[in-house]
C-alpha atoms as a PDB file:
ATOM      1  CA  MET A   1      12.071  43.053 -39.987  1.00  0.00           C
ATOM      2  CA  ALA A   2      13.979  41.825 -36.446  1.00  0.00           C
ATOM      3  CA  ALA A   3      17.290  43.327 -35.322  1.00  0.00           C
ATOM      4  CA  PHE A   4      20.576  42.028 -35.276  1.00  0.00           C
ATOM      5  CA  ASP A   5      21.842  40.814 -31.963  1.00  0.00           C
ATOM      6  CA  ASP A   6      24.752  43.488 -31.641  1.00  0.00           C
ATOM      7  CA  ILE A   7      27.127  40.709 -29.495  1.00  0.00           C
ATOM      8  CA  ILE A   8      26.911  38.193 -31.887  1.00  0.00           C
ATOM      9  CA  HIS A   9      26.819  40.288 -34.806  1.00  0.00           C
ATOM     10  CA  GLN A  10      30.632  41.078 -34.612  1.00  0.00           C
ATOM     11  CA  PRO A  11      32.430  38.689 -37.072  1.00  0.00           C
ATOM     12  CA  LEU A  12      34.789  36.629 -34.719  1.00  0.00           C
ATOM     13  CA  ARG A  13      31.856  36.099 -32.117  1.00  0.00           C
ATOM     14  CA  LEU A  14      29.813  34.667 -35.046  1.00  0.00           C
ATOM     15  CA  LYS A  15      32.107  32.310 -35.858  1.00  0.00           C
ATOM     16  CA  ILE A  16      32.362  31.229 -32.191  1.00  0.00           C
ATOM     17  CA  MET A  17      28.430  31.316 -31.897  1.00  0.00           C
ATOM     18  CA  ALA A  18      27.789  29.120 -35.441  1.00  0.00           C
ATOM     19  CA  ALA A  19      30.404  26.545 -34.229  1.00  0.00           C
ATOM     20  CA  LEU A  20      28.882  26.068 -30.842  1.00  0.00           C
ATOM     21  CA  ASN A  21      25.597  25.868 -32.029  1.00  0.00           C
ATOM     22  CA  ALA A  22      26.749  23.049 -34.367  1.00  0.00           C
ATOM     23  CA  LEU A  23      26.867  21.085 -31.756  1.00  0.00           C
ATOM     24  CA  PRO A  24      24.298  18.828 -29.472  1.00  0.00           C
ATOM     25  CA  ASP A  25      22.805  20.054 -26.874  1.00  0.00           C
ATOM     26  CA  ALA A  26      24.937  20.790 -23.470  1.00  0.00           C
ATOM     27  CA  GLN A  27      28.251  19.810 -25.441  1.00  0.00           C
ATOM     28  CA  GLY A  28      30.946  21.819 -25.775  1.00  0.00           C
ATOM     29  CA  MET A  29      34.075  22.514 -27.966  1.00  0.00           C
ATOM     30  CA  GLU A  30      38.156  23.113 -25.898  1.00  0.00           C
ATOM     31  CA  PHE A  31      39.135  26.289 -26.336  1.00  0.00           C
ATOM     32  CA  ALA A  32      42.595  25.244 -28.934  1.00  0.00           C
ATOM     33  CA  ARG A  33      39.527  23.862 -31.300  1.00  0.00           C
ATOM     34  CA  LEU A  34      37.583  27.154 -31.299  1.00  0.00           C
ATOM     35  CA  LYS A  35      40.778  28.678 -32.258  1.00  0.00           C
ATOM     36  CA  LYS A  36      41.795  26.617 -34.938  1.00  0.00           C
ATOM     37  CA  LEU A  37      38.109  26.661 -36.423  1.00  0.00           C
ATOM     38  CA  THR A  38      38.434  30.554 -36.096  1.00  0.00           C
ATOM     39  CA  GLY A  39      41.811  31.323 -37.014  1.00  0.00           C
ATOM     40  CA  ALA A  40      42.061  33.766 -33.747  1.00  0.00           C
ATOM     41  CA  THR A  41      44.819  34.419 -31.245  1.00  0.00           C
ATOM     42  CA  ASP A  42      44.612  32.993 -28.025  1.00  0.00           C
ATOM     43  CA  GLY A  43      44.174  36.569 -26.681  1.00  0.00           C
ATOM     44  CA  ASN A  44      41.606  37.684 -29.274  1.00  0.00           C
ATOM     45  CA  LEU A  45      39.596  34.432 -28.945  1.00  0.00           C
ATOM     46  CA  GLY A  46      39.478  34.266 -25.073  1.00  0.00           C
ATOM     47  CA  ALA A  47      38.282  38.102 -24.814  1.00  0.00           C
ATOM     48  CA  HIS A  48      35.336  37.198 -26.906  1.00  0.00           C
ATOM     49  CA  ILE A  49      34.426  34.294 -25.567  1.00  0.00           C
ATOM     50  CA  GLU A  50      34.913  36.108 -22.066  1.00  0.00           C
ATOM     51  CA  THR A  51      32.681  39.049 -23.813  1.00  0.00           C
ATOM     52  CA  LEU A  52      29.818  36.235 -24.415  1.00  0.00           C
ATOM     53  CA  SER A  53      29.899  34.821 -21.094  1.00  0.00           C
ATOM     54  CA  LYS A  54      29.300  38.165 -20.008  1.00  0.00           C
ATOM     55  CA  ALA A  55      26.073  38.861 -21.509  1.00  0.00           C
ATOM     56  CA  GLY A  56      24.644  35.021 -21.008  1.00  0.00           C
ATOM     57  CA  TYR A  57      25.615  33.229 -24.634  1.00  0.00           C
ATOM     58  CA  VAL A  58      27.824  30.689 -22.988  1.00  0.00           C
ATOM     59  CA  ALA A  59      29.551  29.495 -20.434  1.00  0.00           C
ATOM     60  CA  VAL A  60      33.546  28.109 -19.791  1.00  0.00           C
ATOM     61  CA  ASP A  61      34.397  25.384 -17.999  1.00  0.00           C
ATOM     62  CA  LYS A  62      38.364  25.403 -16.547  1.00  0.00           C
ATOM     63  CA  THR A  63      39.906  22.012 -15.440  1.00  0.00           C
ATOM     64  CA  PHE A  64      43.329  20.596 -15.769  1.00  0.00           C
ATOM     65  CA  VAL A  65      43.889  17.244 -17.683  1.00  0.00           C
ATOM     66  CA  GLY A  66      47.101  16.279 -16.177  1.00  0.00           C
ATOM     67  CA  LYS A  67      48.720  19.092 -15.482  1.00  0.00           C
ATOM     68  CA  LYS A  68      47.324  21.030 -18.650  1.00  0.00           C
ATOM     69  CA  PRO A  69      44.618  23.564 -18.492  1.00  0.00           C
ATOM     70  CA  GLN A  70      41.665  22.870 -20.996  1.00  0.00           C
ATOM     71  CA  THR A  71      39.210  25.425 -21.022  1.00  0.00           C
ATOM     72  CA  THR A  72      35.708  24.031 -23.141  1.00  0.00           C
ATOM     73  CA  VAL A  73      32.896  26.697 -23.799  1.00  0.00           C
ATOM     74  CA  THR A  74      28.975  25.989 -24.005  1.00  0.00           C
ATOM     75  CA  ALA A  75      26.548  27.700 -26.102  1.00  0.00           C
ATOM     76  CA  SER A  76      23.896  28.461 -23.234  1.00  0.00           C
ATOM     77  CA  ALA A  77      19.927  27.744 -24.160  1.00  0.00           C
ATOM     78  CA  ALA A  78      19.737  32.181 -23.832  1.00  0.00           C
ATOM     79  CA  GLY A  79      22.886  31.601 -26.337  1.00  0.00           C
ATOM     80  CA  ARG A  80      21.191  29.491 -28.547  1.00  0.00           C
ATOM     81  CA  ALA A  81      17.933  31.071 -28.628  1.00  0.00           C
ATOM     82  CA  ALA A  82      19.988  34.488 -29.609  1.00  0.00           C
ATOM     83  CA  PHE A  83      21.764  32.732 -32.032  1.00  0.00           C
ATOM     84  CA  ALA A  84      18.540  31.495 -34.135  1.00  0.00           C
ATOM     85  CA  ARG A  85      16.920  34.573 -33.668  1.00  0.00           C
ATOM     86  CA  HIS A  86      19.815  36.683 -35.167  1.00  0.00           C
ATOM     87  CA  VAL A  87      20.382  33.951 -38.377  1.00  0.00           C
ATOM     88  CA  ALA A  88      16.330  34.601 -39.268  1.00  0.00           C
ATOM     89  CA  THR A  89      17.500  38.295 -38.989  1.00  0.00           C
ATOM     90  CA  LEU A  90      20.508  37.164 -41.807  1.00  0.00           C
ATOM     91  CA  ARG A  91      17.806  35.252 -43.602  1.00  0.00           C
ATOM     92  CA  GLU A  92      15.198  38.049 -43.363  1.00  0.00           C
ATOM     93  CA  ILE A  93      18.205  40.361 -45.511  1.00  0.00           C
ATOM     94  CA  ILE A  94      18.688  37.579 -48.029  1.00  0.00           C
ATOM     95  CA  ALA A  95      15.327  36.929 -48.308  1.00  0.00           C
ATOM     96  CA  GLY A  96      14.336  40.613 -49.190  1.00  0.00           C
ATOM     97  CA  ALA A  97      17.480  41.118 -51.361  1.00  0.00           C
ATOM     98  CA  VAL A  98      16.758  37.787 -53.789  1.00  0.00           C
ATOM     99  CA  PRO A  99      14.041  38.985 -56.090  1.00  0.00           C
ATOM    100  CA  GLY A 100      11.022  36.830 -55.816  1.00  0.00           C
ATOM    101  CA  GLY A 101      12.598  35.779 -52.410  1.00  0.00           C
ATOM    102  CA  GLY A 102      10.222  37.718 -50.117  1.00  0.00           C
END
């Protein structure tokens, strides 16, 4: 059985990566949208995005729209691969837990 990815396994980071992986490659999601989807506070979401960024799982792009800052987060190729492996591990566990499922 494959191992969990300790970075992605944390519930909020799992939500972030799931949301980003639902997008087409190279498409990002604005911080405000991620905040709404995850129900996280600004500080908590920012800290978890920083952890994912340090691991190379996401890219963070900060720009200004007019005078307003806008942060966009995009899953990297490494992040998408790590998420896919993590989901495969979860599926292995589910298949093993279901009678006749594995």
